[in-house]
Amino acid sequence: PDDVRSFLLDRLDDTLVDGGVDRGSIDDRTDLLEDGLLDSMGIVQL
């Protein structure tokens, strides 16, 4: 799961930076859709 998490957060790095979100604040309960980090098209692409 850590491998997947690292890959996922690497892909989202620009989105996190643009949203002012610190990568360290992303925990196992973070919902990328509900927290507004991805939209439906972003989910499909991811």
All heavy atoms as atom14 arrays in JSON, in Angstrom:
{
  "sequence": "PDDVRSFLLDRLDDTLVDGGVDRGSIDDRTDLLEDGLLDSMGIVQL",
  "atom14_mask": [
    [1, 1, 1, 1, 1, 1, 1, 0, 0, 0, 0, 0, 0, 0],
    [1, 1, 1, 1, 1, 1, 1, 1, 0, 0, 0, 0, 0, 0],
    [1, 1, 1, 1, 1, 1, 1, 1, 0, 0, 0, 0, 0, 0],
    [1, 1, 1, 1, 1, 1, 1, 0, 0, 0, 0, 0, 0, 0],
    [1, 1, 1, 1, 1, 1, 1, 1, 1, 1, 1, 0, 0, 0],
    [1, 1, 1, 1, 1, 1, 0, 0, 0, 0, 0, 0, 0, 0],
    [1, 1, 1, 1, 1, 1, 1, 1, 1, 1, 1, 0, 0, 0],
    [1, 1, 1, 1, 1, 1, 1, 1, 0, 0, 0, 0, 0, 0],
    [1, 1, 1, 1, 1, 1, 1, 1, 0, 0, 0, 0, 0, 0],
    [1, 1, 1, 1, 1, 1, 1, 1, 0, 0, 0, 0, 0, 0],
    [1, 1, 1, 1, 1, 1, 1, 1, 1, 1, 1, 0, 0, 0],
    [1, 1, 1, 1, 1, 1, 1, 1, 0, 0, 0, 0, 0, 0],
    [1, 1, 1, 1, 1, 1, 1, 1, 0, 0, 0, 0, 0, 0],
    [1, 1, 1, 1, 1, 1, 1, 1, 0, 0, 0, 0, 0, 0],
    [1, 1, 1, 1, 1, 1, 1, 0, 0, 0, 0, 0, 0, 0],
    [1, 1, 1, 1, 1, 1, 1, 1, 0, 0, 0, 0, 0, 0],
    [1, 1, 1, 1, 1, 1, 1, 0, 0, 0, 0, 0, 0, 0],
    [1, 1, 1, 1, 1, 1, 1, 1, 0, 0, 0, 0, 0, 0],
    [1, 1, 1, 1, 0, 0, 0, 0, 0, 0, 0, 0, 0, 0],
    [1, 1, 1, 1, 0, 0, 0, 0, 0, 0, 0, 0, 0, 0],
    [1, 1, 1, 1, 1, 1, 1, 0, 0, 0, 0, 0, 0, 0],
    [1, 1, 1, 1, 1, 1, 1, 1, 0, 0, 0, 0, 0, 0],
    [1, 1, 1, 1, 1, 1, 1, 1, 1, 1, 1, 0, 0, 0],
    [1, 1, 1, 1, 0, 0, 0, 0, 0, 0, 0, 0, 0, 0],
    [1, 1, 1, 1, 1, 1, 0, 0, 0, 0, 0, 0, 0, 0],
    [1, 1, 1, 1, 1, 1, 1, 1, 0, 0, 0, 0, 0, 0],
    [1, 1, 1, 1, 1, 1, 1, 1, 0, 0, 0, 0, 0, 0],
    [1, 1, 1, 1, 1, 1, 1, 1, 0, 0, 0, 0, 0, 0],
    [1, 1, 1, 1, 1, 1, 1, 1, 1, 1, 1, 0, 0, 0],
    [1, 1, 1, 1, 1, 1, 1, 0, 0, 0, 0, 0, 0, 0],
    [1, 1, 1, 1, 1, 1, 1, 1, 0, 0, 0, 0, 0, 0],
    [1, 1, 1, 1, 1, 1, 1, 1, 0, 0, 0, 0, 0, 0],
    [1, 1, 1, 1, 1, 1, 1, 1, 0, 0, 0, 0, 0, 0],
    [1, 1, 1, 1, 1, 1, 1, 1, 1, 0, 0, 0, 0, 0],
    [1, 1, 1, 1, 1, 1, 1, 1, 0, 0, 0, 0, 0, 0],
    [1, 1, 1, 1, 0, 0, 0, 0, 0, 0, 0, 0, 0, 0],
    [1, 1, 1, 1, 1, 1, 1, 1, 0, 0, 0, 0, 0, 0],
    [1, 1, 1, 1, 1, 1, 1, 1, 0, 0, 0, 0, 0, 0],
    [1, 1, 1, 1, 1, 1, 1, 1, 0, 0, 0, 0, 0, 0],
    [1, 1, 1, 1, 1, 1, 0, 0, 0, 0, 0, 0, 0, 0],
    [1, 1, 1, 1, 1, 1, 1, 1, 0, 0, 0, 0, 0, 0],
    [1, 1, 1, 1, 0, 0, 0, 0, 0, 0, 0, 0, 0, 0],
    [1, 1, 1, 1, 1, 1, 1, 1, 0, 0, 0, 0, 0, 0],
    [1, 1, 1, 1, 1, 1, 1, 0, 0, 0, 0, 0, 0, 0],
    [1, 1, 1, 1, 1, 1, 1, 1, 1, 0, 0, 0, 0, 0],
    [1, 1, 1, 1, 1, 1, 1, 1, 0, 0, 0, 0, 0, 0]
  ],
  "atom14_positions": [
    [[0.82, -1.21, 0.0], [0.0, 0.0, 0.0], [0.86, 1.27, 0.0], [0.48, 2.27, -0.61], [-0.82, -0.13, 1.28], [-0.95, -1.61, 1.48], [0.39, -2.15, 1.04], [0.0, 0.0, 0.0], [0.0, 0.0, 0.0], [0.0, 0.0, 0.0], [0.0, 0.0, 0.0], [0.0, 0.0, 0.0], [0.0, 0.0, 0.0], [0.0, 0.0, 0.0]],
    [[2.01, 1.22, 0.66], [2.9, 2.4, 0.66], [3.45, 2.69, -0.73], [3.63, 3.85, -1.1], [4.06, 2.21, 1.64], [3.63, 2.33, 3.08], [2.58, 2.98, 3.35], [4.32, 1.79, 3.96], [0.0, 0.0, 0.0], [0.0, 0.0, 0.0], [0.0, 0.0, 0.0], [0.0, 0.0, 0.0], [0.0, 0.0, 0.0], [0.0, 0.0, 0.0]],
    [[3.72, 1.63, -1.53], [4.16, 1.83, -2.91], [3.09, 2.54, -3.71], [3.37, 3.47, -4.48], [4.46, 0.48, -3.6], [5.61, -0.27, -2.98], [6.53, 0.36, -2.41], [5.59, -1.53, -3.07], [0.0, 0.0, 0.0], [0.0, 0.0, 0.0], [0.0, 0.0, 0.0], [0.0, 0.0, 0.0], [0.0, 0.0, 0.0], [0.0, 0.0, 0.0]],
    [[1.86, 2.11, -3.53], [0.73, 2.71, -4.26], [0.55, 4.15, -3.8], [0.38, 5.06, -4.63], [-0.57, 1.91, -4.04], [-1.73, 2.57, -4.78], [-0.38, 0.46, -4.49], [0.0, 0.0, 0.0], [0.0, 0.0, 0.0], [0.0, 0.0, 0.0], [0.0, 0.0, 0.0], [0.0, 0.0, 0.0], [0.0, 0.0, 0.0], [0.0, 0.0, 0.0]],
    [[0.6, 4.37, -2.51], [0.44, 5.72, -1.95], [1.5, 6.68, -2.51], [1.2, 7.79, -2.93], [0.53, 5.66, -0.43], [0.4, 6.99, 0.25], [0.67, 6.83, 1.75], [0.68, 8.09, 2.41], [-0.37, 8.65, 2.99], [-1.52, 8.03, 3.01], [-0.26, 9.82, 3.57], [0.0, 0.0, 0.0], [0.0, 0.0, 0.0], [0.0, 0.0, 0.0]],
    [[2.73, 6.22, -2.55], [3.82, 7.05, -3.06], [3.59, 7.39, -4.54], [3.73, 8.55, -4.94], [5.16, 6.32, -2.88], [6.21, 7.09, -3.39], [0.0, 0.0, 0.0], [0.0, 0.0, 0.0], [0.0, 0.0, 0.0], [0.0, 0.0, 0.0], [0.0, 0.0, 0.0], [0.0, 0.0, 0.0], [0.0, 0.0, 0.0], [0.0, 0.0, 0.0]],
    [[3.23, 6.39, -5.33], [2.94, 6.62, -6.75], [1.78, 7.62, -6.9], [1.86, 8.56, -7.68], [2.6, 5.3, -7.45], [2.22, 5.48, -8.89], [3.2, 5.61, -9.86], [0.9, 5.52, -9.28], [2.86, 5.79, -11.2], [0.54, 5.69, -10.61], [1.53, 5.83, -11.57], [0.0, 0.0, 0.0], [0.0, 0.0, 0.0], [0.0, 0.0, 0.0]],
    [[0.74, 7.39, -6.14], [-0.45, 8.25, -6.2], [-0.11, 9.69, -5.85], [-0.46, 10.62, -6.59], [-1.5, 7.7, -5.24], [-2.81, 8.44, -5.1], [-3.62, 8.28, -6.37], [-3.58, 7.9, -3.92], [0.0, 0.0, 0.0], [0.0, 0.0, 0.0], [0.0, 0.0, 0.0], [0.0, 0.0, 0.0], [0.0, 0.0, 0.0], [0.0, 0.0, 0.0]],
    [[0.59, 9.88, -4.76], [0.93, 11.25, -4.34], [1.92, 11.91, -5.28], [1.86, 13.13, -5.5], [1.43, 11.25, -2.9], [0.39, 10.88, -1.85], [0.99, 10.89, -0.46], [-0.83, 11.77, -1.92], [0.0, 0.0, 0.0], [0.0, 0.0, 0.0], [0.0, 0.0, 0.0], [0.0, 0.0, 0.0], [0.0, 0.0, 0.0], [0.0, 0.0, 0.0]],
    [[2.82, 11.13, -5.87], [3.72, 11.69, -6.89], [2.92, 12.22, -8.07], [3.23, 13.29, -8.61], [4.72, 10.65, -7.38], [5.81, 10.34, -6.38], [5.95, 11.08, -5.37], [6.53, 9.34, -6.6], [0.0, 0.0, 0.0], [0.0, 0.0, 0.0], [0.0, 0.0, 0.0], [0.0, 0.0, 0.0], [0.0, 0.0, 0.0], [0.0, 0.0, 0.0]],
    [[1.9, 11.49, -8.49], [1.07, 11.91, -9.62], [0.24, 13.14, -9.27], [-0.13, 13.91, -10.14], [0.13, 10.79, -10.07], [0.8, 9.51, -10.57], [1.53, 9.65, -11.85], [2.93, 9.56, -12.04], [3.94, 9.12, -11.32], [3.77, 8.7, -10.14], [5.17, 9.12, -11.76], [0.0, 0.0, 0.0], [0.0, 0.0, 0.0], [0.0, 0.0, 0.0]],
    [[-0.08, 13.29, -8.01], [-0.93, 14.4, -7.57], [-0.14, 15.59, -7.04], [-0.73, 16.55, -6.57], [-1.88, 13.91, -6.46], [-2.93, 12.91, -6.89], [-3.69, 12.41, -5.67], [-3.86, 13.5, -7.92], [0.0, 0.0, 0.0], [0.0, 0.0, 0.0], [0.0, 0.0, 0.0], [0.0, 0.0, 0.0], [0.0, 0.0, 0.0], [0.0, 0.0, 0.0]],
    [[1.17, 15.53, -7.12], [2.01, 16.56, -6.53], [1.63, 17.97, -6.98], [1.47, 18.87, -6.15], [3.48, 16.28, -6.81], [4.4, 17.05, -5.89], [4.15, 17.03, -4.66], [5.34, 17.7, -6.4], [0.0, 0.0, 0.0], [0.0, 0.0, 0.0], [0.0, 0.0, 0.0], [0.0, 0.0, 0.0], [0.0, 0.0, 0.0], [0.0, 0.0, 0.0]],
    [[1.46, 18.19, -8.27], [1.1, 19.52, -8.77], [-0.26, 19.96, -8.24], [-0.45, 21.13, -7.87], [1.09, 19.56, -10.3], [2.48, 19.49, -10.89], [3.47, 19.76, -10.16], [2.59, 19.15, -12.08], [0.0, 0.0, 0.0], [0.0, 0.0, 0.0], [0.0, 0.0, 0.0], [0.0, 0.0, 0.0], [0.0, 0.0, 0.0], [0.0, 0.0, 0.0]],
    [[-1.2, 19.02, -8.2], [-2.54, 19.33, -7.69], [-2.48, 19.73, -6.23], [-3.14, 20.68, -5.8], [-3.47, 18.1, -7.86], [-3.53, 17.77, -9.25], [-4.86, 18.38, -7.34], [0.0, 0.0, 0.0], [0.0, 0.0, 0.0], [0.0, 0.0, 0.0], [0.0, 0.0, 0.0], [0.0, 0.0, 0.0], [0.0, 0.0, 0.0], [0.0, 0.0, 0.0]],
    [[-1.67, 19.0, -5.46], [-1.53, 19.32, -4.04], [-0.91, 20.69, -3.86], [-1.39, 21.5, -3.06], [-0.7, 18.26, -3.33], [-1.3, 16.85, -3.31], [-0.3, 15.86, -2.7], [-2.62, 16.82, -2.58], [0.0, 0.0, 0.0], [0.0, 0.0, 0.0], [0.0, 0.0, 0.0], [0.0, 0.0, 0.0], [0.0, 0.0, 0.0], [0.0, 0.0, 0.0]],
    [[0.15, 20.97, -4.6], [0.83, 22.27, -4.5], [-0.14, 23.38, -4.91], [-0.26, 24.39, -4.21], [2.11, 22.29, -5.37], [2.66, 23.69, -5.49], [3.15, 21.34, -4.8], [0.0, 0.0, 0.0], [0.0, 0.0, 0.0], [0.0, 0.0, 0.0], [0.0, 0.0, 0.0], [0.0, 0.0, 0.0], [0.0, 0.0, 0.0], [0.0, 0.0, 0.0]],
    [[-0.83, 23.2, -6.04], [-1.78, 24.22, -6.51], [-2.89, 24.47, -5.49], [-3.39, 25.59, -5.37], [-2.41, 23.81, -7.84], [-1.41, 23.85, -8.99], [-0.3, 24.41, -8.81], [-1.73, 23.29, -10.06], [0.0, 0.0, 0.0], [0.0, 0.0, 0.0], [0.0, 0.0, 0.0], [0.0, 0.0, 0.0], [0.0, 0.0, 0.0], [0.0, 0.0, 0.0]],
    [[-3.29, 23.42, -4.77], [-4.35, 23.56, -3.78], [-3.85, 23.98, -2.4], [-4.64, 24.1, -1.47], [0.0, 0.0, 0.0], [0.0, 0.0, 0.0], [0.0, 0.0, 0.0], [0.0, 0.0, 0.0], [0.0, 0.0, 0.0], [0.0, 0.0, 0.0], [0.0, 0.0, 0.0], [0.0, 0.0, 0.0], [0.0, 0.0, 0.0], [0.0, 0.0, 0.0]],
    [[-2.54, 24.18, -2.29], [-1.97, 24.58, -1.02], [-2.03, 23.49, 0.04], [-2.08, 23.76, 1.23], [0.0, 0.0, 0.0], [0.0, 0.0, 0.0], [0.0, 0.0, 0.0], [0.0, 0.0, 0.0], [0.0, 0.0, 0.0], [0.0, 0.0, 0.0], [0.0, 0.0, 0.0], [0.0, 0.0, 0.0], [0.0, 0.0, 0.0], [0.0, 0.0, 0.0]],
    [[-2.02, 22.23, -0.44], [-2.11, 21.09, 0.47], [-0.73, 20.5, 0.67], [-0.04, 20.17, -0.3], [-3.07, 20.02, -0.11], [-3.11, 18.8, 0.79], [-4.45, 20.59, -0.33], [0.0, 0.0, 0.0], [0.0, 0.0, 0.0], [0.0, 0.0, 0.0], [0.0, 0.0, 0.0], [0.0, 0.0, 0.0], [0.0, 0.0, 0.0], [0.0, 0.0, 0.0]],
    [[-0.33, 20.37, 1.92], [0.94, 19.74, 2.25], [0.81, 18.23, 2.1], [-0.13, 17.63, 2.63], [1.33, 20.1, 3.69], [2.61, 19.43, 4.11], [3.67, 19.74, 3.52], [2.56, 18.59, 5.02], [0.0, 0.0, 0.0], [0.0, 0.0, 0.0], [0.0, 0.0, 0.0], [0.0, 0.0, 0.0], [0.0, 0.0, 0.0], [0.0, 0.0, 0.0]],
    [[1.72, 17.64, 1.38], [1.69, 16.19, 1.15], [1.64, 15.41, 2.46], [1.0, 14.37, 2.55], [2.93, 15.82, 0.32], [2.98, 14.4, -0.12], [4.21, 14.19, -0.99], [4.33, 12.79, -1.32], [4.74, 12.34, -2.49], [5.08, 13.19, -3.43], [4.84, 11.05, -2.73], [0.0, 0.0, 0.0], [0.0, 0.0, 0.0], [0.0, 0.0, 0.0]],
    [[2.3, 15.92, 3.48], [2.31, 15.27, 4.77], [0.96, 15.27, 5.47], [0.73, 14.49, 6.4], [0.0, 0.0, 0.0], [0.0, 0.0, 0.0], [0.0, 0.0, 0.0], [0.0, 0.0, 0.0], [0.0, 0.0, 0.0], [0.0, 0.0, 0.0], [0.0, 0.0, 0.0], [0.0, 0.0, 0.0], [0.0, 0.0, 0.0], [0.0, 0.0, 0.0]],
    [[0.06, 16.12, 5.03], [-1.27, 16.17, 5.66], [-2.22, 15.13, 5.07], [-3.32, 14.94, 5.59], [-1.88, 17.56, 5.51], [-2.25, 17.81, 4.16], [0.0, 0.0, 0.0], [0.0, 0.0, 0.0], [0.0, 0.0, 0.0], [0.0, 0.0, 0.0], [0.0, 0.0, 0.0], [0.0, 0.0, 0.0], [0.0, 0.0, 0.0], [0.0, 0.0, 0.0]],
    [[-1.82, 14.46, 4.02], [-2.65, 13.42, 3.4], [-2.5, 12.15, 4.23], [-1.42, 11.6, 4.35], [-2.22, 13.15, 1.94], [-2.26, 14.42, 1.1], [-3.07, 12.04, 1.33], [-3.61, 15.01, 0.9], [0.0, 0.0, 0.0], [0.0, 0.0, 0.0], [0.0, 0.0, 0.0], [0.0, 0.0, 0.0], [0.0, 0.0, 0.0], [0.0, 0.0, 0.0]],
    [[-3.61, 11.69, 4.83], [-3.55, 10.46, 5.61], [-4.49, 9.42, 5.01], [-5.1, 9.66, 3.96], [-3.85, 10.73, 7.09], [-5.26, 11.23, 7.35], [-6.17, 11.01, 6.5], [-5.47, 11.84, 8.4], [0.0, 0.0, 0.0], [0.0, 0.0, 0.0], [0.0, 0.0, 0.0], [0.0, 0.0, 0.0], [0.0, 0.0, 0.0], [0.0, 0.0, 0.0]],
    [[-4.61, 8.28, 5.67], [-5.41, 7.18, 5.14], [-6.89, 7.49, 5.03], [-7.62, 6.8, 4.32], [-5.21, 5.91, 5.98], [-3.9, 5.22, 5.69], [-3.24, 5.57, 4.69], [-3.52, 4.31, 6.46], [0.0, 0.0, 0.0], [0.0, 0.0, 0.0], [0.0, 0.0, 0.0], [0.0, 0.0, 0.0], [0.0, 0.0, 0.0], [0.0, 0.0, 0.0]],
    [[-7.36, 8.52, 5.72], [-8.78, 8.89, 5.65], [-9.06, 9.97, 4.62], [-10.21, 10.32, 4.38], [-9.25, 9.35, 7.02], [-9.19, 8.27, 8.08], [-9.58, 8.84, 9.43], [-8.83, 10.08, 9.66], [-7.89, 10.24, 10.57], [-7.55, 9.26, 11.34], [-7.27, 11.39, 10.71], [0.0, 0.0, 0.0], [0.0, 0.0, 0.0], [0.0, 0.0, 0.0]],
    [[-8.02, 10.51, 4.01], [-8.22, 11.57, 3.02], [-8.97, 11.02, 1.82], [-8.6, 10.0, 1.26], [-6.86, 12.14, 2.56], [-6.17, 12.67, 3.69], [-7.03, 13.22, 1.5], [0.0, 0.0, 0.0], [0.0, 0.0, 0.0], [0.0, 0.0, 0.0], [0.0, 0.0, 0.0], [0.0, 0.0, 0.0], [0.0, 0.0, 0.0], [0.0, 0.0, 0.0]],
    [[-10.03, 11.7, 1.45], [-10.83, 11.34, 0.29], [-10.55, 12.39, -0.79], [-10.94, 13.54, -0.66], [-12.31, 11.32, 0.66], [-13.19, 10.83, -0.47], [-12.99, 11.27, -1.63], [-14.1, 10.03, -0.2], [0.0, 0.0, 0.0], [0.0, 0.0, 0.0], [0.0, 0.0, 0.0], [0.0, 0.0, 0.0], [0.0, 0.0, 0.0], [0.0, 0.0, 0.0]],
    [[-9.86, 11.97, -1.83], [-9.42, 12.91, -2.86], [-10.58, 13.57, -3.59], [-10.46, 14.71, -4.03], [-8.48, 12.22, -3.84], [-7.18, 11.71, -3.21], [-6.38, 10.91, -4.23], [-6.36, 12.85, -2.66], [0.0, 0.0, 0.0], [0.0, 0.0, 0.0], [0.0, 0.0, 0.0], [0.0, 0.0, 0.0], [0.0, 0.0, 0.0], [0.0, 0.0, 0.0]],
    [[-11.7, 12.88, -3.69], [-12.87, 13.46, -4.34], [-13.59, 14.41, -3.38], [-13.81, 15.57, -3.7], [-13.81, 12.36, -4.82], [-15.08, 12.82, -5.53], [-14.73, 13.57, -6.82], [-15.97, 11.62, -5.85], [0.0, 0.0, 0.0], [0.0, 0.0, 0.0], [0.0, 0.0, 0.0], [0.0, 0.0, 0.0], [0.0, 0.0, 0.0], [0.0, 0.0, 0.0]],
    [[-13.93, 13.92, -2.2], [-14.66, 14.73, -1.22], [-13.87, 15.95, -0.78], [-14.45, 16.99, -0.49], [-15.03, 13.88, 0.0], [-15.99, 12.8, -0.32], [-17.31, 12.96, 0.39], [-17.38, 13.69, 1.39], [-18.26, 12.35, -0.1], [0.0, 0.0, 0.0], [0.0, 0.0, 0.0], [0.0, 0.0, 0.0], [0.0, 0.0, 0.0], [0.0, 0.0, 0.0]],
    [[-12.56, 15.82, -0.68], [-11.73, 16.94, -0.24], [-11.39, 17.9, -1.38], [-10.62, 18.84, -1.2], [-10.45, 16.42, 0.43], [-10.74, 15.72, 1.75], [-11.81, 15.97, 2.33], [-9.9, 14.91, 2.19], [0.0, 0.0, 0.0], [0.0, 0.0, 0.0], [0.0, 0.0, 0.0], [0.0, 0.0, 0.0], [0.0, 0.0, 0.0], [0.0, 0.0, 0.0]],
    [[-11.96, 17.64, -2.56], [-11.81, 18.55, -3.68], [-10.47, 18.52, -4.39], [-10.14, 19.43, -5.15], [0.0, 0.0, 0.0], [0.0, 0.0, 0.0], [0.0, 0.0, 0.0], [0.0, 0.0, 0.0], [0.0, 0.0, 0.0], [0.0, 0.0, 0.0], [0.0, 0.0, 0.0], [0.0, 0.0, 0.0], [0.0, 0.0, 0.0], [0.0, 0.0, 0.0]],
    [[-9.69, 17.46, -4.18], [-8.39, 17.37, -4.84], [-8.49, 16.79, -6.24], [-7.6, 16.99, -7.06], [-7.43, 16.56, -3.98], [-7.15, 17.19, -2.61], [-6.36, 16.23, -1.73], [-6.4, 18.5, -2.78], [0.0, 0.0, 0.0], [0.0, 0.0, 0.0], [0.0, 0.0, 0.0], [0.0, 0.0, 0.0], [0.0, 0.0, 0.0], [0.0, 0.0, 0.0]],
    [[-9.55, 16.04, -6.51], [-9.81, 15.5, -7.84], [-11.28, 15.67, -8.18], [-12.14, 15.58, -7.3], [-9.48, 14.0, -7.9], [-8.03, 13.59, -7.92], [-7.93, 12.07, -7.92], [-7.31, 14.16, -9.12], [0.0, 0.0, 0.0], [0.0, 0.0, 0.0], [0.0, 0.0, 0.0], [0.0, 0.0, 0.0], [0.0, 0.0, 0.0], [0.0, 0.0, 0.0]],
    [[-11.55, 15.86, -9.47], [-12.93, 15.84, -9.94], [-13.16, 14.5, -10.62], [-12.27, 13.65, -10.65], [-13.22, 17.03, -10.87], [-12.32, 17.06, -12.1], [-11.67, 16.04, -12.43], [-12.26, 18.12, -12.74], [0.0, 0.0, 0.0], [0.0, 0.0, 0.0], [0.0, 0.0, 0.0], [0.0, 0.0, 0.0], [0.0, 0.0, 0.0], [0.0, 0.0, 0.0]],
    [[-14.34, 14.3, -11.18], [-14.66, 13.0, -11.77], [-13.72, 12.64, -12.92], [-13.32, 11.48, -13.07], [-16.12, 12.94, -12.22], [-16.39, 13.97, -13.13], [0.0, 0.0, 0.0], [0.0, 0.0, 0.0], [0.0, 0.0, 0.0], [0.0, 0.0, 0.0], [0.0, 0.0, 0.0], [0.0, 0.0, 0.0], [0.0, 0.0, 0.0], [0.0, 0.0, 0.0]],
    [[-13.33, 13.61, -13.74], [-12.4, 13.33, -14.83], [-11.02, 12.98, -14.27], [-10.35, 12.1, -14.78], [-12.3, 14.51, -15.79], [-11.38, 14.24, -16.98], [-11.8, 12.76, -17.92], [-13.13, 13.37, -18.89], [0.0, 0.0, 0.0], [0.0, 0.0, 0.0], [0.0, 0.0, 0.0], [0.0, 0.0, 0.0], [0.0, 0.0, 0.0], [0.0, 0.0, 0.0]],
    [[-10.63, 13.66, -13.23], [-9.35, 13.36, -12.59], [-9.31, 11.95, -12.03], [-8.27, 11.28, -12.08], [0.0, 0.0, 0.0], [0.0, 0.0, 0.0], [0.0, 0.0, 0.0], [0.0, 0.0, 0.0], [0.0, 0.0, 0.0], [0.0, 0.0, 0.0], [0.0, 0.0, 0.0], [0.0, 0.0, 0.0], [0.0, 0.0, 0.0], [0.0, 0.0, 0.0]],
    [[-10.44, 11.48, -11.51], [-10.52, 10.11, -11.0], [-10.31, 9.12, -12.14], [-9.52, 8.17, -12.01], [-11.87, 9.86, -10.31], [-11.95, 10.65, -9.02], [-12.07, 8.37, -10.04], [-13.31, 10.65, -8.37], [0.0, 0.0, 0.0], [0.0, 0.0, 0.0], [0.0, 0.0, 0.0], [0.0, 0.0, 0.0], [0.0, 0.0, 0.0], [0.0, 0.0, 0.0]],
    [[-10.99, 9.33, -13.24], [-10.86, 8.43, -14.39], [-9.41, 8.38, -14.86], [-8.85, 7.31, -15.11], [-11.81, 8.86, -15.53], [-11.53, 8.07, -16.81], [-13.26, 8.7, -15.1], [0.0, 0.0, 0.0], [0.0, 0.0, 0.0], [0.0, 0.0, 0.0], [0.0, 0.0, 0.0], [0.0, 0.0, 0.0], [0.0, 0.0, 0.0], [0.0, 0.0, 0.0]],
    [[-8.79, 9.54, -14.97], [-7.4, 9.59, -15.41], [-6.47, 8.9, -14.42], [-5.56, 8.16, -14.81], [-6.96, 11.04, -15.62], [-7.66, 11.7, -16.79], [-7.42, 13.2, -16.85], [-7.1, 13.84, -15.85], [-7.57, 13.76, -18.05], [0.0, 0.0, 0.0], [0.0, 0.0, 0.0], [0.0, 0.0, 0.0], [0.0, 0.0, 0.0], [0.0, 0.0, 0.0]],
    [[-6.71, 9.12, -13.14], [-5.86, 8.52, -12.12], [-6.03, 7.0, -12.1], [-5.04, 6.27, -12.0], [-6.18, 9.09, -10.75], [-5.25, 8.65, -9.63], [-3.82, 9.11, -9.93], [-5.72, 9.22, -8.31], [0.0, 0.0, 0.0], [0.0, 0.0, 0.0], [0.0, 0.0, 0.0], [0.0, 0.0, 0.0], [0.0, 0.0, 0.0], [0.0, 0.0, 0.0]]
  ]
}
